[in-house]
């Protein structure tokens, strides 16, 4: 099955128990905004963001996996979304326009970043003055679960401290997702 992993990521992201509609409502995107979906996976949120920001807005679907990006390009083409740009990156090298982003969105990605504080410091240069970073990350897991055994989570308290150290303030701390924390930050 072609891009079965990308399809699986999209199924999980779109599952009603993961409340994708509520996430989009809280993000309150507007026409003409620019969004970076870092760790875009199968592009579920990238394509929804593209509809929300309209043709004058721009969505940068960022991932380290070229097959995921191909899948997103195909999905955007099928939905006639011309405002999605796919960006292939190395783990810590983002090549996005400086000072151009209204929102950086990261879902289940931060546990993959080796030096989060430095990474988020670098992201500051990409944000507009009123830009935000939305982080959805797995909560702590049982020791003998996949997340627990492989460290696929970052405890909320650690993220809060790291973001503060990187120069951000917590704007919203939401607790409606069953397996994840959801926080929105702005620059200090």
N, C-alpha and C. Protein backbone atom coordinates (compact mmCIF):
# COMPACT_ATOMS: atom_id res chain seq x y z
N UNK A 1 0.85 -1.19 0.00
CA UNK A 1 0.00 0.00 0.00
C UNK A 1 0.89 1.25 0.00
N UNK A 2 0.71 2.10 -0.98
CA UNK A 2 1.54 3.28 -1.13
C UNK A 2 1.32 4.26 0.04
N UNK A 3 2.41 4.66 0.67
CA UNK A 3 2.39 5.61 1.77
C UNK A 3 1.43 5.21 2.88
N UNK A 4 1.45 3.95 3.26
CA UNK A 4 0.55 3.46 4.30
C UNK A 4 0.81 4.16 5.64
N UNK A 5 2.06 4.54 5.91
CA UNK A 5 2.36 5.23 7.17
C UNK A 5 1.74 6.62 7.18
N UNK A 6 1.82 7.34 6.05
CA UNK A 6 1.20 8.67 5.95
C UNK A 6 -0.30 8.56 6.13
N UNK A 7 -0.91 7.54 5.53
CA UNK A 7 -2.36 7.33 5.67
C UNK A 7 -2.71 7.03 7.12
N UNK A 8 -1.89 6.22 7.79
CA UNK A 8 -2.12 5.89 9.19
C UNK A 8 -2.05 7.14 10.06
N UNK A 9 -1.06 8.01 9.80
CA UNK A 9 -0.96 9.27 10.56
C UNK A 9 -2.22 10.11 10.36
N UNK A 10 -2.72 10.16 9.13
CA UNK A 10 -3.93 10.95 8.86
C UNK A 10 -5.16 10.35 9.54
N UNK A 11 -5.25 9.03 9.57
CA UNK A 11 -6.38 8.38 10.27
C UNK A 11 -6.35 8.76 11.75
N UNK A 12 -5.17 8.71 12.35
CA UNK A 12 -5.06 9.05 13.77
C UNK A 12 -5.39 10.52 14.01
N UNK A 13 -4.86 11.40 13.16
CA UNK A 13 -5.11 12.84 13.33
C UNK A 13 -6.58 13.18 13.17
N UNK A 14 -7.27 12.48 12.27
CA UNK A 14 -8.67 12.79 11.99
C UNK A 14 -9.66 12.06 12.89
N UNK A 15 -9.17 11.13 13.70
CA UNK A 15 -10.04 10.37 14.60
C UNK A 15 -10.77 11.33 15.54
N UNK A 16 -12.09 11.25 15.62
CA UNK A 16 -12.85 12.16 16.48
C UNK A 16 -12.38 12.18 17.94
N UNK A 17 -11.84 11.05 18.44
CA UNK A 17 -11.36 11.05 19.84
C UNK A 17 -10.17 12.00 20.02
N UNK A 18 -9.47 12.32 18.92
CA UNK A 18 -8.34 13.26 18.97
C UNK A 18 -8.76 14.70 18.71
N UNK A 19 -10.05 14.93 18.53
CA UNK A 19 -10.69 16.24 18.48
C UNK A 19 -10.06 17.24 17.50
N UNK A 20 -9.89 16.85 16.24
CA UNK A 20 -9.27 17.76 15.28
C UNK A 20 -10.08 19.03 15.03
N UNK A 21 -11.40 18.94 15.05
CA UNK A 21 -12.23 20.13 14.82
C UNK A 21 -12.05 21.13 15.95
N UNK A 22 -11.99 20.65 17.18
CA UNK A 22 -11.79 21.52 18.33
C UNK A 22 -10.41 22.17 18.29
N UNK A 23 -9.40 21.41 17.85
CA UNK A 23 -8.05 21.97 17.71
C UNK A 23 -8.07 23.13 16.72
N UNK A 24 -8.71 22.92 15.57
CA UNK A 24 -8.77 23.99 14.57
C UNK A 24 -9.54 25.20 15.07
N UNK A 25 -10.61 24.98 15.79
CA UNK A 25 -11.38 26.09 16.34
C UNK A 25 -10.52 26.92 17.29
N UNK A 26 -9.77 26.27 18.14
CA UNK A 26 -8.92 26.97 19.11
C UNK A 26 -7.81 27.75 18.41
N UNK A 27 -7.25 27.19 17.35
CA UNK A 27 -6.18 27.89 16.63
C UNK A 27 -6.70 29.13 15.92
N UNK A 28 -7.98 29.17 15.58
CA UNK A 28 -8.64 30.34 15.02
C UNK A 28 -7.85 30.99 13.88
N UNK A 29 -7.52 30.19 12.89
CA UNK A 29 -6.77 30.72 11.74
C UNK A 29 -7.66 31.63 10.90
N UNK A 30 -7.01 32.62 10.26
CA UNK A 30 -7.72 33.59 9.43
C UNK A 30 -7.18 33.56 8.02
N UNK A 31 -7.99 34.04 7.10
CA UNK A 31 -7.56 34.17 5.70
C UNK A 31 -6.30 35.01 5.62
N UNK A 32 -5.37 34.56 4.80
CA UNK A 32 -4.14 35.31 4.58
C UNK A 32 -3.01 35.01 5.54
N UNK A 33 -3.23 34.16 6.53
CA UNK A 33 -2.16 33.84 7.48
C UNK A 33 -1.22 32.80 6.89
N UNK A 34 -0.01 32.75 7.47
CA UNK A 34 1.01 31.77 7.07
C UNK A 34 1.26 30.82 8.23
N UNK A 35 1.25 29.52 7.92
CA UNK A 35 1.37 28.48 8.94
C UNK A 35 2.46 27.50 8.54
N UNK A 36 3.28 27.09 9.51
CA UNK A 36 4.23 26.00 9.29
C UNK A 36 3.74 24.81 10.11
N UNK A 37 3.50 23.70 9.44
CA UNK A 37 3.11 22.45 10.08
C UNK A 37 4.38 21.60 10.13
N UNK A 38 5.09 21.67 11.25
CA UNK A 38 6.38 20.99 11.38
C UNK A 38 6.14 19.56 11.85
N UNK A 39 6.69 18.62 11.08
CA UNK A 39 6.41 17.21 11.31
C UNK A 39 5.03 16.89 10.76
N UNK A 40 4.78 17.33 9.53
CA UNK A 40 3.45 17.29 8.93
C UNK A 40 2.93 15.86 8.72
N UNK A 41 3.79 14.87 8.69
CA UNK A 41 3.33 13.49 8.52
C UNK A 41 2.56 13.31 7.23
N UNK A 42 1.32 12.85 7.33
CA UNK A 42 0.48 12.64 6.15
C UNK A 42 -0.22 13.89 5.66
N UNK A 43 -0.08 14.99 6.39
CA UNK A 43 -0.62 16.27 5.94
C UNK A 43 -2.06 16.55 6.31
N UNK A 44 -2.64 15.77 7.19
CA UNK A 44 -4.04 16.00 7.56
C UNK A 44 -4.25 17.46 7.98
N UNK A 45 -3.45 17.93 8.93
CA UNK A 45 -3.63 19.31 9.40
C UNK A 45 -3.15 20.32 8.37
N UNK A 46 -2.10 20.02 7.63
CA UNK A 46 -1.63 20.94 6.59
C UNK A 46 -2.75 21.29 5.62
N UNK A 47 -3.48 20.28 5.17
CA UNK A 47 -4.55 20.52 4.20
C UNK A 47 -5.73 21.25 4.82
N UNK A 48 -6.01 20.96 6.06
CA UNK A 48 -7.09 21.70 6.75
C UNK A 48 -6.66 23.15 6.98
N UNK A 49 -5.40 23.36 7.33
CA UNK A 49 -4.91 24.73 7.49
C UNK A 49 -5.00 25.50 6.17
N UNK A 50 -4.66 24.82 5.07
CA UNK A 50 -4.68 25.46 3.76
C UNK A 50 -6.08 25.97 3.42
N UNK A 51 -7.09 25.21 3.75
CA UNK A 51 -8.46 25.67 3.53
C UNK A 51 -8.78 26.87 4.42
N UNK A 52 -8.32 26.82 5.67
CA UNK A 52 -8.63 27.89 6.62
C UNK A 52 -7.96 29.22 6.25
N UNK A 53 -6.73 29.19 5.75
CA UNK A 53 -6.03 30.44 5.45
C UNK A 53 -6.33 30.96 4.05
N UNK A 54 -6.96 30.14 3.23
CA UNK A 54 -7.39 30.58 1.90
C UNK A 54 -6.24 30.79 0.94
N UNK A 55 -6.60 31.22 -0.26
CA UNK A 55 -5.60 31.34 -1.33
C UNK A 55 -4.56 32.42 -1.07
N UNK A 56 -4.85 33.40 -0.23
CA UNK A 56 -3.85 34.43 0.08
C UNK A 56 -2.94 34.03 1.23
N UNK A 57 -3.29 32.95 1.92
CA UNK A 57 -2.45 32.42 2.98
C UNK A 57 -1.51 31.36 2.42
N UNK A 58 -0.63 30.89 3.28
CA UNK A 58 0.37 29.90 2.85
C UNK A 58 0.57 28.89 3.97
N UNK A 59 0.68 27.62 3.59
CA UNK A 59 0.98 26.56 4.54
C UNK A 59 2.27 25.88 4.10
N UNK A 60 3.20 25.81 5.01
CA UNK A 60 4.47 25.11 4.78
C UNK A 60 4.38 23.77 5.50
N UNK A 61 4.25 22.70 4.75
CA UNK A 61 4.22 21.35 5.31
C UNK A 61 5.67 20.88 5.39
N UNK A 62 6.18 20.77 6.60
CA UNK A 62 7.59 20.50 6.83
C UNK A 62 7.76 19.08 7.37
N UNK A 63 8.66 18.32 6.77
CA UNK A 63 8.92 16.99 7.29
C UNK A 63 10.31 16.53 6.84
N UNK A 64 10.82 15.52 7.54
CA UNK A 64 12.11 14.93 7.18
C UNK A 64 11.95 13.78 6.20
N UNK A 65 10.71 13.33 5.97
CA UNK A 65 10.44 12.18 5.13
C UNK A 65 9.91 12.62 3.76
N UNK A 66 10.69 12.47 2.69
CA UNK A 66 10.25 12.90 1.36
C UNK A 66 8.98 12.19 0.87
N UNK A 67 8.76 10.95 1.29
CA UNK A 67 7.54 10.24 0.87
C UNK A 67 6.29 10.87 1.47
N UNK A 68 6.39 11.34 2.72
CA UNK A 68 5.26 12.03 3.33
C UNK A 68 4.97 13.32 2.55
N UNK A 69 6.03 14.03 2.18
CA UNK A 69 5.84 15.29 1.45
C UNK A 69 5.21 15.05 0.08
N UNK A 70 5.60 13.97 -0.57
CA UNK A 70 4.98 13.60 -1.85
C UNK A 70 3.49 13.31 -1.65
N UNK A 71 3.17 12.61 -0.58
CA UNK A 71 1.78 12.29 -0.26
C UNK A 71 0.98 13.58 -0.03
N UNK A 72 1.57 14.54 0.66
CA UNK A 72 0.91 15.82 0.92
C UNK A 72 0.71 16.59 -0.38
N UNK A 73 1.72 16.63 -1.23
CA UNK A 73 1.59 17.31 -2.53
C UNK A 73 0.45 16.71 -3.33
N UNK A 74 0.37 15.37 -3.36
CA UNK A 74 -0.71 14.70 -4.08
C UNK A 74 -2.07 15.06 -3.49
N UNK A 75 -2.15 15.09 -2.17
CA UNK A 75 -3.41 15.44 -1.50
C UNK A 75 -3.82 16.87 -1.79
N UNK A 76 -2.86 17.79 -1.78
CA UNK A 76 -3.16 19.20 -2.08
C UNK A 76 -3.64 19.34 -3.52
N UNK A 77 -2.99 18.62 -4.42
CA UNK A 77 -3.38 18.68 -5.84
C UNK A 77 -4.80 18.15 -6.02
N UNK A 78 -5.11 17.03 -5.38
CA UNK A 78 -6.46 16.45 -5.48
C UNK A 78 -7.53 17.39 -4.96
N UNK A 79 -7.19 18.17 -3.94
CA UNK A 79 -8.15 19.10 -3.33
C UNK A 79 -8.04 20.50 -3.93
N UNK A 80 -7.21 20.66 -4.98
CA UNK A 80 -7.02 21.95 -5.65
C UNK A 80 -6.58 23.04 -4.68
N UNK A 81 -5.65 22.69 -3.81
CA UNK A 81 -5.09 23.65 -2.85
C UNK A 81 -3.71 24.09 -3.36
N UNK A 82 -3.64 25.30 -3.85
CA UNK A 82 -2.40 25.82 -4.41
C UNK A 82 -1.53 26.54 -3.38
N UNK A 83 -1.97 26.59 -2.15
CA UNK A 83 -1.25 27.37 -1.14
C UNK A 83 -0.46 26.49 -0.16
N UNK A 84 -0.18 25.25 -0.57
CA UNK A 84 0.61 24.34 0.27
C UNK A 84 1.98 24.16 -0.37
N UNK A 85 3.01 24.45 0.40
CA UNK A 85 4.38 24.23 -0.06
C UNK A 85 5.03 23.19 0.85
N UNK A 86 5.57 22.14 0.25
CA UNK A 86 6.23 21.11 1.06
C UNK A 86 7.71 21.45 1.18
N UNK A 87 8.23 21.23 2.40
CA UNK A 87 9.62 21.57 2.69
C UNK A 87 10.28 20.36 3.34
N UNK A 88 11.31 19.84 2.67
CA UNK A 88 12.08 18.73 3.22
C UNK A 88 13.23 19.32 4.03
N UNK A 89 13.36 18.89 5.28
CA UNK A 89 14.39 19.46 6.15
C UNK A 89 15.17 18.38 6.87
N UNK A 90 16.38 18.76 7.23
CA UNK A 90 17.12 17.96 8.21
C UNK A 90 16.51 18.30 9.56
N UNK A 91 16.74 17.51 10.53
CA UNK A 91 16.09 17.64 11.83
C UNK A 91 16.12 19.06 12.40
N UNK A 92 17.22 19.75 12.31
CA UNK A 92 17.33 21.04 12.99
C UNK A 92 17.56 22.23 12.04
N UNK A 93 17.37 22.03 10.77
CA UNK A 93 17.62 23.12 9.81
C UNK A 93 16.35 23.47 9.06
N UNK A 94 15.69 24.52 9.53
CA UNK A 94 14.47 24.97 8.87
C UNK A 94 14.80 26.06 7.87
N UNK A 95 14.36 25.88 6.66
CA UNK A 95 14.58 26.88 5.62
C UNK A 95 13.23 27.51 5.26
N UNK A 96 12.74 28.33 6.18
CA UNK A 96 11.48 29.02 6.00
C UNK A 96 11.74 30.52 6.02
N UNK A 97 10.84 31.29 5.40
CA UNK A 97 11.04 32.74 5.36
C UNK A 97 11.03 33.37 6.75
N UNK A 98 12.04 34.19 7.02
CA UNK A 98 12.16 34.85 8.32
C UNK A 98 11.02 35.85 8.53
N UNK A 99 10.51 35.88 9.75
CA UNK A 99 9.49 36.85 10.13
C UNK A 99 8.18 36.72 9.38
N UNK A 100 7.86 35.54 8.90
CA UNK A 100 6.68 35.39 8.03
C UNK A 100 5.55 34.54 8.61
N UNK A 101 5.77 33.88 9.73
CA UNK A 101 4.80 32.89 10.20
C UNK A 101 3.89 33.43 11.30
N UNK A 102 2.60 33.21 11.09
CA UNK A 102 1.61 33.53 12.12
C UNK A 102 1.49 32.39 13.12
N UNK A 103 1.72 31.16 12.65
CA UNK A 103 1.60 30.00 13.52
C UNK A 103 2.59 28.93 13.11
N UNK A 104 3.25 28.36 14.11
CA UNK A 104 4.01 27.12 13.95
C UNK A 104 3.22 26.07 14.71
N UNK A 105 2.89 24.99 14.03
CA UNK A 105 2.09 23.91 14.61
C UNK A 105 2.95 22.66 14.66
N UNK A 106 3.00 22.03 15.84
CA UNK A 106 3.78 20.80 16.01
C UNK A 106 2.92 19.81 16.79
N UNK A 107 2.60 18.71 16.13
CA UNK A 107 1.78 17.67 16.77
C UNK A 107 2.60 16.39 16.86
N UNK A 108 2.84 15.94 18.08
CA UNK A 108 3.57 14.70 18.35
C UNK A 108 4.95 14.69 17.71
N UNK A 109 5.64 15.83 17.80
CA UNK A 109 6.94 15.99 17.16
C UNK A 109 8.05 16.28 18.16
N UNK A 110 7.75 17.02 19.22
CA UNK A 110 8.82 17.53 20.08
C UNK A 110 9.66 16.43 20.71
N UNK A 111 9.09 15.26 20.92
CA UNK A 111 9.89 14.18 21.53
C UNK A 111 11.00 13.69 20.58
N UNK A 112 10.93 14.08 19.31
CA UNK A 112 11.97 13.70 18.34
C UNK A 112 13.12 14.72 18.29
N UNK A 113 12.95 15.88 18.90
CA UNK A 113 13.96 16.94 18.81
C UNK A 113 15.03 16.75 19.88
N UNK A 114 16.30 16.68 19.48
CA UNK A 114 17.36 16.44 20.47
C UNK A 114 17.65 17.63 21.38
N UNK A 115 17.59 18.86 20.88
CA UNK A 115 17.88 20.04 21.69
C UNK A 115 16.74 21.02 21.50
N UNK A 116 15.66 20.79 22.23
CA UNK A 116 14.45 21.57 22.02
C UNK A 116 14.62 23.05 22.33
N UNK A 117 15.33 23.39 23.38
CA UNK A 117 15.49 24.80 23.75
C UNK A 117 16.14 25.56 22.60
N UNK A 118 17.23 25.05 22.08
CA UNK A 118 17.92 25.71 20.96
C UNK A 118 17.04 25.73 19.71
N UNK A 119 16.33 24.66 19.45
CA UNK A 119 15.44 24.57 18.31
C UNK A 119 14.38 25.67 18.36
N UNK A 120 13.75 25.83 19.53
CA UNK A 120 12.71 26.84 19.67
C UNK A 120 13.27 28.26 19.65
N UNK A 121 14.48 28.43 20.13
CA UNK A 121 15.11 29.76 20.00
C UNK A 121 15.26 30.13 18.52
N UNK A 122 15.67 29.16 17.70
CA UNK A 122 15.83 29.41 16.26
C UNK A 122 14.48 29.71 15.59
N UNK A 123 13.42 29.09 16.09
CA UNK A 123 12.10 29.32 15.50
C UNK A 123 11.64 30.78 15.64
N UNK A 124 12.11 31.45 16.68
CA UNK A 124 11.69 32.84 16.92
C UNK A 124 11.89 33.73 15.70
N UNK A 125 12.98 33.53 14.99
CA UNK A 125 13.27 34.39 13.83
C UNK A 125 12.28 34.18 12.69
N UNK A 126 11.54 33.08 12.71
CA UNK A 126 10.59 32.78 11.64
C UNK A 126 9.21 33.37 11.92
N UNK A 127 8.94 33.71 13.18
CA UNK A 127 7.62 34.19 13.57
C UNK A 127 7.45 35.68 13.31
N UNK A 128 6.23 36.06 12.96
CA UNK A 128 5.86 37.46 12.97
C UNK A 128 5.83 37.92 14.43
N UNK A 129 5.84 39.22 14.69
CA UNK A 129 5.84 39.68 16.09
C UNK A 129 4.70 39.08 16.93
N UNK A 130 3.53 38.89 16.34
CA UNK A 130 2.39 38.33 17.07
C UNK A 130 2.24 36.82 16.83
N UNK A 131 3.25 36.20 16.25
CA UNK A 131 3.20 34.77 15.91
C UNK A 131 3.12 33.88 17.13
N UNK A 132 2.56 32.69 16.92
CA UNK A 132 2.36 31.73 18.00
C UNK A 132 2.97 30.38 17.63
N UNK A 133 3.25 29.59 18.65
CA UNK A 133 3.67 28.20 18.47
C UNK A 133 2.66 27.33 19.23
N UNK A 134 2.04 26.40 18.51
CA UNK A 134 1.11 25.46 19.12
C UNK A 134 1.79 24.10 19.18
N UNK A 135 1.84 23.55 20.38
CA UNK A 135 2.50 22.25 20.59
C UNK A 135 1.48 21.26 21.17
N UNK A 136 1.30 20.20 20.43
CA UNK A 136 0.52 19.06 20.93
C UNK A 136 1.51 17.92 21.07
N UNK A 137 1.62 17.42 22.29
CA UNK A 137 2.62 16.38 22.56
C UNK A 137 2.03 15.32 23.47
N UNK A 138 2.45 14.09 23.25
CA UNK A 138 1.99 12.99 24.08
C UNK A 138 2.32 13.25 25.55
N UNK A 139 1.38 12.88 26.40
CA UNK A 139 1.59 12.93 27.84
C UNK A 139 2.44 11.73 28.24
N UNK A 140 2.93 11.74 29.47
CA UNK A 140 3.68 10.60 29.99
C UNK A 140 2.90 9.32 29.78
N UNK A 141 3.63 8.24 29.60
CA UNK A 141 2.99 6.97 29.29
C UNK A 141 3.43 5.89 30.26
N UNK A 142 2.63 4.83 30.29
CA UNK A 142 3.01 3.67 31.10
C UNK A 142 4.36 3.15 30.63
N UNK A 143 5.11 2.66 31.54
CA UNK A 143 6.47 2.20 31.25
C UNK A 143 6.52 1.13 30.16
N UNK A 144 5.54 0.23 30.13
CA UNK A 144 5.57 -0.87 29.18
C UNK A 144 4.64 -0.65 27.99
N UNK A 145 4.39 0.61 27.67
CA UNK A 145 3.65 0.95 26.45
C UNK A 145 4.68 1.36 25.39
N UNK A 146 4.25 1.47 24.14
CA UNK A 146 5.16 1.90 23.07
C UNK A 146 5.78 3.26 23.41
N UNK A 147 4.93 4.21 23.79
CA UNK A 147 5.43 5.55 24.13
C UNK A 147 6.40 5.50 25.30
N UNK A 148 6.06 4.73 26.31
CA UNK A 148 6.91 4.64 27.49
C UNK A 148 8.24 3.98 27.21
N UNK A 149 8.21 2.89 26.46
CA UNK A 149 9.44 2.15 26.17
C UNK A 149 10.38 2.91 25.24
N UNK A 150 9.81 3.67 24.29
CA UNK A 150 10.63 4.34 23.29
C UNK A 150 10.73 5.85 23.50
N UNK A 151 10.20 6.35 24.61
CA UNK A 151 10.32 7.76 24.93
C UNK A 151 9.58 8.67 23.97
N UNK A 152 8.45 8.23 23.47
CA UNK A 152 7.66 9.03 22.52
C UNK A 152 6.69 9.93 23.27
N UNK A 153 7.22 10.77 24.12
CA UNK A 153 6.43 11.76 24.85
C UNK A 153 7.40 12.74 25.51
N UNK A 154 6.87 13.90 25.85
CA UNK A 154 7.60 14.87 26.67
C UNK A 154 6.62 15.35 27.72
N UNK A 155 6.92 15.18 28.99
CA UNK A 155 6.01 15.65 30.02
C UNK A 155 5.76 17.15 29.89
N UNK A 156 4.52 17.54 30.13
CA UNK A 156 4.08 18.92 30.02
C UNK A 156 5.01 19.88 30.77
N UNK A 157 5.38 19.54 32.00
CA UNK A 157 6.20 20.41 32.83
C UNK A 157 7.56 20.69 32.18
N UNK A 158 8.12 19.67 31.54
CA UNK A 158 9.41 19.85 30.86
C UNK A 158 9.25 20.80 29.69
N UNK A 159 8.20 20.63 28.90
CA UNK A 159 7.96 21.54 27.77
C UNK A 159 7.77 22.97 28.25
N UNK A 160 7.01 23.15 29.31
CA UNK A 160 6.78 24.51 29.85
C UNK A 160 8.11 25.15 30.23
N UNK A 161 8.95 24.42 30.93
CA UNK A 161 10.25 24.95 31.34
C UNK A 161 11.17 25.23 30.15
N UNK A 162 11.19 24.32 29.19
CA UNK A 162 12.04 24.52 28.01
C UNK A 162 11.58 25.71 27.18
N UNK A 163 10.29 25.87 27.02
CA UNK A 163 9.79 27.00 26.24
C UNK A 163 10.09 28.31 26.94
N UNK A 164 9.98 28.33 28.25
CA UNK A 164 10.33 29.54 29.02
C UNK A 164 11.81 29.87 28.82
N UNK A 165 12.65 28.85 28.91
CA UNK A 165 14.09 29.04 28.71
C UNK A 165 14.40 29.52 27.29
N UNK A 166 13.61 29.10 26.32
CA UNK A 166 13.81 29.50 24.92
C UNK A 166 13.25 30.90 24.64
N UNK A 167 12.53 31.49 25.60
CA UNK A 167 12.05 32.86 25.44
C UNK A 167 10.60 32.99 25.02
N UNK A 168 9.76 32.06 25.47
CA UNK A 168 8.34 32.10 25.15
C UNK A 168 7.52 32.15 26.43
N UNK A 169 6.30 32.67 26.27
CA UNK A 169 5.35 32.65 27.39
C UNK A 169 4.16 31.80 26.99
N UNK A 170 3.63 31.09 27.96
CA UNK A 170 2.47 30.23 27.74
C UNK A 170 1.23 31.11 27.64
N UNK A 171 0.51 30.98 26.52
CA UNK A 171 -0.70 31.76 26.28
C UNK A 171 -1.94 30.94 26.61
N UNK A 172 -1.96 29.68 26.20
CA UNK A 172 -3.08 28.77 26.49
C UNK A 172 -2.53 27.41 26.87
N UNK A 173 -3.14 26.82 27.88
CA UNK A 173 -2.78 25.48 28.34
C UNK A 173 -4.09 24.69 28.38
N UNK A 174 -4.29 23.84 27.40
CA UNK A 174 -5.56 23.16 27.20
C UNK A 174 -5.44 21.70 27.59
N UNK A 175 -6.51 21.16 28.17
CA UNK A 175 -6.45 19.79 28.67
C UNK A 175 -7.67 18.99 28.24
N UNK A 176 -8.01 19.04 26.96
CA UNK A 176 -9.18 18.30 26.49
C UNK A 176 -8.81 17.09 25.64
N UNK A 177 -7.54 16.93 25.33
CA UNK A 177 -7.12 15.77 24.53
C UNK A 177 -6.81 14.60 25.46
N UNK A 178 -7.27 13.41 25.13
CA UNK A 178 -7.12 12.28 26.05
C UNK A 178 -5.68 11.82 26.27
N UNK A 179 -4.82 11.90 25.24
CA UNK A 179 -3.46 11.37 25.36
C UNK A 179 -2.37 12.42 25.21
N UNK A 180 -2.76 13.68 25.01
CA UNK A 180 -1.77 14.71 24.70
C UNK A 180 -2.02 15.99 25.49
N UNK A 181 -0.94 16.72 25.69
CA UNK A 181 -1.07 18.09 26.18
C UNK A 181 -1.19 18.99 24.95
N UNK A 182 -1.74 20.17 25.12
CA UNK A 182 -1.92 21.12 24.03
C UNK A 182 -1.67 22.51 24.60
N UNK A 183 -0.57 23.11 24.16
CA UNK A 183 -0.20 24.42 24.67
C UNK A 183 0.10 25.36 23.50
N UNK A 184 -0.23 26.63 23.72
CA UNK A 184 0.06 27.66 22.72
C UNK A 184 0.95 28.71 23.38
N UNK A 185 2.02 29.06 22.67
CA UNK A 185 3.03 29.99 23.18
C UNK A 185 3.18 31.19 22.27
N UNK A 186 3.65 32.28 22.86
CA UNK A 186 4.04 33.47 22.10
C UNK A 186 5.40 33.92 22.63
N UNK A 187 6.12 34.70 21.83
CA UNK A 187 7.43 35.22 22.26
C UNK A 187 7.26 36.18 23.42
N UNK A 188 8.26 36.19 24.28
CA UNK A 188 8.26 37.12 25.42
C UNK A 188 8.59 38.49 24.92
